[in-house]
Amino acid sequence: MKFLNTLSIFATALLLSITACTHTHEDSEEKKQAIEIHENLKLESKKFNSMLATEFSQIHYTDSLFSELEVIDGKFKEWKKKLVKLPGTKCNHAEGEEHVHDHAAESRLAELSDAELLDLQKSIQQELADLVCELKTVVGEDC
């Protein structure tokens, strides 16, 4: 009899825990957008780095344009520090890619709401767009 009582209490507890957890663990639309922007930024930053390298390769270091490119390169290096792995995403470095994470920054991002995370990614996206425009302006192209 004691076994049946224990079994019924366990079954009731199990049933309650299953029915009580109706929360889905799917990301919100804001978080999905933030992740999408972040993934695109990783690709866009590689393109920008390539553009910058191309410009550096086409001029002599004594050219006045060289120092302007150095300033942009410095800004780009600072910008890259803001591109931190988002909470809930996997680390997926390609073979041979540098594998460095700012775990303190990742922890701070985990404290943000999904809306704040999205706003942050949009801000970082705009900063890269500004760098692209600055580079194009320096080399005589339209933004």
Protein backbone atom coordinates (compact mmCIF):
# COMPACT_ATOMS: atom_id res chain seq x y z
CA MET A 1 0.00 0.00 0.00
CA LYS A 2 2.81 2.39 0.90
CA PHE A 3 4.37 1.64 -2.50
CA LEU A 4 1.11 2.58 -4.28
CA ASN A 5 0.88 5.85 -2.35
CA THR A 6 4.48 6.72 -3.25
CA LEU A 7 3.83 5.75 -6.87
CA SER A 8 0.69 7.88 -7.09
CA ILE A 9 2.46 10.89 -5.54
CA PHE A 10 5.34 10.48 -8.02
CA ALA A 11 2.92 10.16 -10.95
CA THR A 12 0.99 13.24 -9.85
CA ALA A 13 4.20 15.26 -9.45
CA LEU A 14 5.40 14.13 -12.86
CA LEU A 15 2.10 15.03 -14.47
CA LEU A 16 2.08 18.45 -12.84
CA SER A 17 5.62 19.19 -13.92
CA ILE A 18 4.84 18.25 -17.52
CA THR A 19 1.63 20.28 -17.73
CA ALA A 20 3.04 23.25 -15.81
CA CYS A 21 5.90 23.74 -18.23
CA THR A 22 4.10 25.12 -21.26
CA HIS A 23 6.84 27.70 -21.89
CA THR A 24 8.58 27.22 -25.22
CA HIS A 25 12.31 27.72 -25.34
CA GLU A 26 12.24 29.28 -28.77
CA ASP A 27 14.02 32.60 -29.30
CA SER A 28 11.89 35.73 -29.60
CA GLU A 29 11.67 37.53 -32.94
CA GLU A 30 13.93 40.26 -31.56
CA LYS A 31 16.59 37.74 -30.57
CA LYS A 32 16.32 35.99 -33.96
CA GLN A 33 16.81 39.37 -35.69
CA ALA A 34 19.77 40.20 -33.44
CA ILE A 35 21.38 36.85 -34.27
CA GLU A 36 20.75 37.37 -38.00
CA ILE A 37 22.33 40.84 -37.91
CA HIS A 38 25.26 39.45 -35.94
CA GLU A 39 25.85 36.64 -38.45
CA ASN A 40 25.67 39.14 -41.34
CA LEU A 41 28.11 41.44 -39.54
CA LYS A 42 30.66 38.66 -39.36
CA LEU A 43 30.45 38.27 -43.14
CA GLU A 44 30.42 42.01 -43.81
CA SER A 45 33.43 42.56 -41.57
CA LYS A 46 35.41 40.02 -43.60
CA LYS A 47 34.47 41.87 -46.80
CA PHE A 48 35.47 45.18 -45.24
CA ASN A 49 38.79 43.75 -44.07
CA SER A 50 39.43 42.55 -47.61
CA MET A 51 38.55 45.98 -49.06
CA LEU A 52 40.90 47.66 -46.62
CA ALA A 53 43.70 45.19 -47.36
CA THR A 54 43.24 45.80 -51.09
CA GLU A 55 43.56 49.56 -50.62
CA PHE A 56 46.68 49.13 -48.48
CA SER A 57 48.25 46.91 -51.13
CA GLN A 58 47.74 49.51 -53.85
CA ILE A 59 49.58 52.41 -52.24
CA HIS A 60 53.05 53.14 -50.95
CA TYR A 61 53.45 53.67 -47.21
CA THR A 62 54.74 57.22 -47.82
CA ASP A 63 51.52 58.18 -49.59
CA SER A 64 49.28 60.46 -47.50
CA LEU A 65 46.41 58.05 -48.10
CA PHE A 66 48.34 55.40 -46.17
CA SER A 67 47.98 57.28 -42.87
CA GLU A 68 44.24 57.75 -43.47
CA LEU A 69 43.90 54.02 -44.07
CA GLU A 70 45.81 53.37 -40.85
CA VAL A 71 43.27 55.45 -38.93
CA ILE A 72 40.40 53.51 -40.49
CA ASP A 73 42.21 50.24 -39.75
CA GLY A 74 42.55 51.28 -36.09
CA LYS A 75 38.83 52.09 -35.90
CA PHE A 76 38.04 48.74 -37.49
CA LYS A 77 40.14 46.90 -34.92
CA GLU A 78 38.24 48.68 -32.14
CA TRP A 79 34.93 47.91 -33.86
CA LYS A 80 35.78 44.19 -34.05
CA LYS A 81 36.05 44.09 -30.26
CA LYS A 82 32.33 44.89 -30.10
CA LEU A 83 31.42 41.88 -32.21
CA VAL A 84 31.04 39.46 -29.30
CA LYS A 85 29.39 36.04 -29.48
CA LEU A 86 25.73 36.42 -28.58
CA PRO A 87 24.18 34.52 -25.68
CA GLY A 88 22.62 31.27 -26.79
CA THR A 89 24.61 30.99 -30.01
CA LYS A 90 27.26 28.46 -30.83
CA CYS A 91 30.86 29.22 -31.50
CA ASN A 92 31.57 28.20 -35.07
CA HIS A 93 35.02 29.26 -36.15
CA ALA A 94 36.34 28.05 -39.44
CA GLU A 95 39.51 26.00 -39.29
CA GLY A 96 42.50 28.26 -38.89
CA GLU A 97 40.42 31.20 -37.68
CA GLU A 98 41.40 32.87 -34.46
CA HIS A 99 39.44 31.46 -31.52
CA VAL A 100 39.25 34.22 -28.92
CA HIS A 101 36.25 35.16 -26.82
CA ASP A 102 35.66 37.95 -24.36
CA HIS A 103 33.78 35.94 -21.77
CA ALA A 104 33.18 39.01 -19.59
CA ALA A 105 31.50 40.80 -22.50
CA GLU A 106 29.46 37.68 -23.27
CA SER A 107 28.27 37.66 -19.65
CA ARG A 108 27.22 41.30 -19.87
CA LEU A 109 25.28 40.60 -23.07
CA ALA A 110 23.42 37.79 -21.32
CA GLU A 111 21.99 40.39 -18.94
CA LEU A 112 20.38 42.36 -21.79
CA SER A 113 16.80 41.89 -22.88
CA ASP A 114 16.19 40.65 -26.42
CA ALA A 115 15.12 44.18 -27.45
CA GLU A 116 18.32 45.66 -26.01
CA LEU A 117 20.36 42.99 -27.76
CA LEU A 118 18.69 43.85 -31.07
CA ASP A 119 19.30 47.57 -30.56
CA LEU A 120 22.95 46.87 -29.79
CA GLN A 121 23.38 44.80 -32.95
CA LYS A 122 21.75 47.53 -35.02
CA SER A 123 24.14 50.07 -33.51
CA ILE A 124 27.16 47.88 -34.27
CA GLN A 125 25.82 47.38 -37.80
CA GLN A 126 25.59 51.16 -38.28
CA GLU A 127 29.14 51.62 -37.04
CA LEU A 128 30.42 49.20 -39.67
CA ALA A 129 28.36 50.96 -42.36
CA ASP A 130 29.98 54.23 -41.27
CA LEU A 131 33.46 52.66 -41.56
CA VAL A 132 32.66 51.37 -45.05
CA CYS A 133 31.49 54.85 -46.05
CA GLU A 134 34.60 56.44 -44.54
CA LEU A 135 36.85 54.06 -46.48
CA LYS A 136 34.99 54.69 -49.73
CA THR A 137 35.20 58.45 -49.20
CA VAL A 138 38.95 58.30 -48.52
CA VAL A 139 39.57 56.36 -51.73
CA GLY A 140 37.31 58.65 -53.77
CA GLU A 141 34.20 56.50 -54.08
CA ASP A 142 30.60 57.33 -53.26
CA CYS A 143 29.06 55.88 -50.13
